[in-house]
Amino acid sequence: MPMAGLLNRIKSFLRSPRGRQLSTKARDLARDPRNRERARQAARRFRRR
């Protein structure tokens, strides 16, 4: 699948009701300091490999 086609599918999903709901949930989770720290730790572990 061409990259442009994949990006268009992602864009259309994010505009759908389910996509908007998931992006709102992700935004809320990203605001939580505990989740931010978990993400930092996971990124550190990933970079070490």
PDB file of N, CA and C in Angstrom:
ATOM      1  N   MET A   1       0.859  -1.184   0.000  1.00  0.00           N
ATOM      2  CA  MET A   1       0.000   0.000   0.000  1.00  0.00           C
ATOM      3  C   MET A   1       0.901   1.241   0.000  1.00  0.00           C
ATOM      4  N   PRO A   2       0.622   2.179  -0.899  1.00  0.00           N
ATOM      5  CA  PRO A   2       1.424   3.411  -0.920  1.00  0.00           C
ATOM      6  C   PRO A   2       1.258   4.199   0.376  1.00  0.00           C
ATOM      7  N   MET A   3       2.298   4.937   0.723  1.00  0.00           N
ATOM      8  CA  MET A   3       2.286   5.698   1.975  1.00  0.00           C
ATOM      9  C   MET A   3       1.150   6.715   1.986  1.00  0.00           C
ATOM     10  N   ALA A   4       0.880   7.364   0.843  1.00  0.00           N
ATOM     11  CA  ALA A   4      -0.191   8.368   0.795  1.00  0.00           C
ATOM     12  C   ALA A   4      -1.540   7.723   1.101  1.00  0.00           C
ATOM     13  N   GLY A   5      -1.762   6.524   0.596  1.00  0.00           N
ATOM     14  CA  GLY A   5      -3.016   5.826   0.861  1.00  0.00           C
ATOM     15  C   GLY A   5      -3.184   5.503   2.336  1.00  0.00           C
ATOM     16  N   LEU A   6      -2.097   5.101   2.950  1.00  0.00           N
ATOM     17  CA  LEU A   6      -2.138   4.785   4.379  1.00  0.00           C
ATOM     18  C   LEU A   6      -2.437   6.042   5.192  1.00  0.00           C
ATOM     19  N   LEU A   7      -1.772   7.145   4.846  1.00  0.00           N
ATOM     20  CA  LEU A   7      -2.007   8.397   5.576  1.00  0.00           C
ATOM     21  C   LEU A   7      -3.440   8.882   5.396  1.00  0.00           C
ATOM     22  N   ASN A   8      -3.994   8.716   4.203  1.00  0.00           N
ATOM     23  CA  ASN A   8      -5.387   9.123   3.981  1.00  0.00           C
ATOM     24  C   ASN A   8      -6.343   8.277   4.816  1.00  0.00           C
ATOM     25  N   ARG A   9      -6.048   6.993   4.941  1.00  0.00           N
ATOM     26  CA  ARG A   9      -6.904   6.131   5.768  1.00  0.00           C
ATOM     27  C   ARG A   9      -6.822   6.532   7.234  1.00  0.00           C
ATOM     28  N   ILE A  10      -5.625   6.881   7.691  1.00  0.00           N
ATOM     29  CA  ILE A  10      -5.459   7.321   9.081  1.00  0.00           C
ATOM     30  C   ILE A  10      -6.211   8.622   9.309  1.00  0.00           C
ATOM     31  N   LYS A  11      -6.085   9.563   8.369  1.00  0.00           N
ATOM     32  CA  LYS A  11      -6.786  10.851   8.501  1.00  0.00           C
ATOM     33  C   LYS A  11      -8.292  10.652   8.558  1.00  0.00           C
ATOM     34  N   SER A  12      -8.806   9.806   7.678  1.00  0.00           N
ATOM     35  CA  SER A  12     -10.258   9.604   7.677  1.00  0.00           C
ATOM     36  C   SER A  12     -10.714   8.910   8.960  1.00  0.00           C
ATOM     37  N   PHE A  13      -9.902   8.004   9.491  1.00  0.00           N
ATOM     38  CA  PHE A  13     -10.256   7.366  10.761  1.00  0.00           C
ATOM     39  C   PHE A  13     -10.295   8.400  11.880  1.00  0.00           C
ATOM     40  N   LEU A  14      -9.301   9.288  11.928  1.00  0.00           N
ATOM     41  CA  LEU A  14      -9.259  10.280  13.000  1.00  0.00           C
ATOM     42  C   LEU A  14     -10.423  11.262  12.918  1.00  0.00           C
ATOM     43  N   ARG A  15     -11.003  11.420  11.740  1.00  0.00           N
ATOM     44  CA  ARG A  15     -12.172  12.295  11.594  1.00  0.00           C
ATOM     45  C   ARG A  15     -13.471  11.586  11.961  1.00  0.00           C
ATOM     46  N   SER A  16     -13.433  10.257  12.048  1.00  0.00           N
ATOM     47  CA  SER A  16     -14.640   9.494  12.373  1.00  0.00           C
ATOM     48  C   SER A  16     -14.953   9.648  13.862  1.00  0.00           C
ATOM     49  N   PRO A  17     -16.195   9.355  14.261  1.00  0.00           N
ATOM     50  CA  PRO A  17     -16.547   9.465  15.684  1.00  0.00           C
ATOM     51  C   PRO A  17     -15.647   8.613  16.583  1.00  0.00           C
ATOM     52  N   ARG A  18     -15.345   7.390  16.175  1.00  0.00           N
ATOM     53  CA  ARG A  18     -14.481   6.519  16.990  1.00  0.00           C
ATOM     54  C   ARG A  18     -13.060   7.082  17.061  1.00  0.00           C
ATOM     55  N   GLY A  19     -12.564   7.602  15.954  1.00  0.00           N
ATOM     56  CA  GLY A  19     -11.223   8.183  15.942  1.00  0.00           C
ATOM     57  C   GLY A  19     -11.131   9.406  16.836  1.00  0.00           C
ATOM     58  N   ARG A  20     -12.164  10.247  16.795  1.00  0.00           N
ATOM     59  CA  ARG A  20     -12.169  11.434  17.669  1.00  0.00           C
ATOM     60  C   ARG A  20     -12.222  11.019  19.130  1.00  0.00           C
ATOM     61  N   GLN A  21     -12.997   9.988  19.416  1.00  0.00           N
ATOM     62  CA  GLN A  21     -13.107   9.498  20.793  1.00  0.00           C
ATOM     63  C   GLN A  21     -11.753   8.976  21.287  1.00  0.00           C
ATOM     64  N   LEU A  22     -11.070   8.192  20.461  1.00  0.00           N
ATOM     65  CA  LEU A  22      -9.774   7.641  20.863  1.00  0.00           C
ATOM     66  C   LEU A  22      -8.716   8.728  21.005  1.00  0.00           C
ATOM     67  N   SER A  23      -8.745   9.734  20.125  1.00  0.00           N
ATOM     68  CA  SER A  23      -7.734  10.793  20.239  1.00  0.00           C
ATOM     69  C   SER A  23      -7.981  11.639  21.482  1.00  0.00           C
ATOM     70  N   THR A  24      -9.237  11.849  21.849  1.00  0.00           N
ATOM     71  CA  THR A  24      -9.545  12.577  23.081  1.00  0.00           C
ATOM     72  C   THR A  24      -9.070  11.785  24.298  1.00  0.00           C
ATOM     73  N   LYS A  25      -9.309  10.479  24.273  1.00  0.00           N
ATOM     74  CA  LYS A  25      -8.870   9.631  25.387  1.00  0.00           C
ATOM     75  C   LYS A  25      -7.345   9.640  25.496  1.00  0.00           C
ATOM     76  N   ALA A  26      -6.657   9.566  24.372  1.00  0.00           N
ATOM     77  CA  ALA A  26      -5.189   9.585  24.381  1.00  0.00           C
ATOM     78  C   ALA A  26      -4.672  10.911  24.920  1.00  0.00           C
ATOM     79  N   ARG A  27      -5.327  11.994  24.540  1.00  0.00           N
ATOM     80  CA  ARG A  27      -4.917  13.319  25.025  1.00  0.00           C
ATOM     81  C   ARG A  27      -5.080  13.401  26.544  1.00  0.00           C
ATOM     82  N   ASP A  28      -6.191  12.884  27.046  1.00  0.00           N
ATOM     83  CA  ASP A  28      -6.428  12.894  28.496  1.00  0.00           C
ATOM     84  C   ASP A  28      -5.397  12.036  29.231  1.00  0.00           C
ATOM     85  N   LEU A  29      -5.090  10.864  28.680  1.00  0.00           N
ATOM     86  CA  LEU A  29      -4.096   9.997  29.315  1.00  0.00           C
ATOM     87  C   LEU A  29      -2.715  10.643  29.295  1.00  0.00           C
ATOM     88  N   ALA A  30      -2.406  11.384  28.243  1.00  0.00           N
ATOM     89  CA  ALA A  30      -1.089  12.021  28.128  1.00  0.00           C
ATOM     90  C   ALA A  30      -0.921  13.139  29.146  1.00  0.00           C
ATOM     91  N   ARG A  31      -2.004  13.692  29.636  1.00  0.00           N
ATOM     92  CA  ARG A  31      -1.915  14.771  30.631  1.00  0.00           C
ATOM     93  C   ARG A  31      -1.538  14.259  32.019  1.00  0.00           C
ATOM     94  N   ASP A  32      -1.773  12.979  32.272  1.00  0.00           N
ATOM     95  CA  ASP A  32      -1.517  12.396  33.592  1.00  0.00           C
ATOM     96  C   ASP A  32      -0.012  12.237  33.814  1.00  0.00           C
ATOM     97  N   PRO A  33       0.536  12.834  34.861  1.00  0.00           N
ATOM     98  CA  PRO A  33       1.984  12.756  35.113  1.00  0.00           C
ATOM     99  C   PRO A  33       2.506  11.322  35.262  1.00  0.00           C
ATOM    100  N   ARG A  34       1.700  10.430  35.845  1.00  0.00           N
ATOM    101  CA  ARG A  34       2.156   9.033  35.992  1.00  0.00           C
ATOM    102  C   ARG A  34       2.329   8.375  34.628  1.00  0.00           C
ATOM    103  N   ASN A  35       1.377   8.636  33.736  1.00  0.00           N
ATOM    104  CA  ASN A  35       1.484   8.054  32.398  1.00  0.00           C
ATOM    105  C   ASN A  35       2.656   8.649  31.630  1.00  0.00           C
ATOM    106  N   ARG A  36       2.916   9.931  31.829  1.00  0.00           N
ATOM    107  CA  ARG A  36       4.068  10.557  31.165  1.00  0.00           C
ATOM    108  C   ARG A  36       5.359   9.893  31.610  1.00  0.00           C
ATOM    109  N   GLU A  37       5.474   9.635  32.910  1.00  0.00           N
ATOM    110  CA  GLU A  37       6.686   8.989  33.424  1.00  0.00           C
ATOM    111  C   GLU A  37       6.816   7.572  32.875  1.00  0.00           C
ATOM    112  N   ARG A  38       5.703   6.839  32.804  1.00  0.00           N
ATOM    113  CA  ARG A  38       5.740   5.489  32.226  1.00  0.00           C
ATOM    114  C   ARG A  38       6.215   5.532  30.780  1.00  0.00           C
ATOM    115  N   ALA A  39       5.736   6.519  30.031  1.00  0.00           N
ATOM    116  CA  ALA A  39       6.141   6.647  28.629  1.00  0.00           C
ATOM    117  C   ALA A  39       7.626   6.971  28.525  1.00  0.00           C
ATOM    118  N   ARG A  40       8.117   7.836  29.400  1.00  0.00           N
ATOM    119  CA  ARG A  40       9.554   8.165  29.393  1.00  0.00           C
ATOM    120  C   ARG A  40      10.398   6.925  29.683  1.00  0.00           C
ATOM    121  N   GLN A  41       9.967   6.137  30.670  1.00  0.00           N
ATOM    122  CA  GLN A  41      10.717   4.926  31.012  1.00  0.00           C
ATOM    123  C   GLN A  41      10.714   3.932  29.849  1.00  0.00           C
ATOM    124  N   ALA A  42       9.572   3.778  29.200  1.00  0.00           N
ATOM    125  CA  ALA A  42       9.491   2.859  28.063  1.00  0.00           C
ATOM    126  C   ALA A  42      10.395   3.337  26.929  1.00  0.00           C
ATOM    127  N   ALA A  43      10.429   4.639  26.688  1.00  0.00           N
ATOM    128  CA  ALA A  43      11.292   5.183  25.635  1.00  0.00           C
ATOM    129  C   ALA A  43      12.758   4.951  25.981  1.00  0.00           C
ATOM    130  N   ARG A  44      13.107   5.120  27.250  1.00  0.00           N
ATOM    131  CA  ARG A  44      14.494   4.871  27.669  1.00  0.00           C
ATOM    132  C   ARG A  44      14.878   3.412  27.434  1.00  0.00           C
ATOM    133  N   ARG A  45      13.988   2.495  27.813  1.00  0.00           N
ATOM    134  CA  ARG A  45      14.274   1.068  27.608  1.00  0.00           C
ATOM    135  C   ARG A  45      14.411   0.759  26.116  1.00  0.00           C
ATOM    136  N   PHE A  46      13.560   1.368  25.320  1.00  0.00           N
ATOM    137  CA  PHE A  46      13.576   1.122  23.881  1.00  0.00           C
ATOM    138  C   PHE A  46      14.870   1.647  23.259  1.00  0.00           C
ATOM    139  N   ARG A  47      15.339   2.800  23.692  1.00  0.00           N
ATOM    140  CA  ARG A  47      16.562   3.392  23.142  1.00  0.00           C
ATOM    141  C   ARG A  47      17.803   2.586  23.502  1.00  0.00           C
ATOM    142  N   ARG A  48      17.800   1.930  24.660  1.00  0.00           N
ATOM    143  CA  ARG A  48      18.967   1.157  25.096  1.00  0.00           C
ATOM    144  C   ARG A  48      19.242  -0.030  24.188  1.00  0.00           C
ATOM    145  N   ARG A  49      18.228  -0.563  23.554  1.00  0.00           N
ATOM    146  CA  ARG A  49      18.393  -1.778  22.728  1.00  0.00           C
ATOM    147  C   ARG A  49      19.074  -1.487  21.427  1.00  0.00           C
TER     148      ARG A  49
END
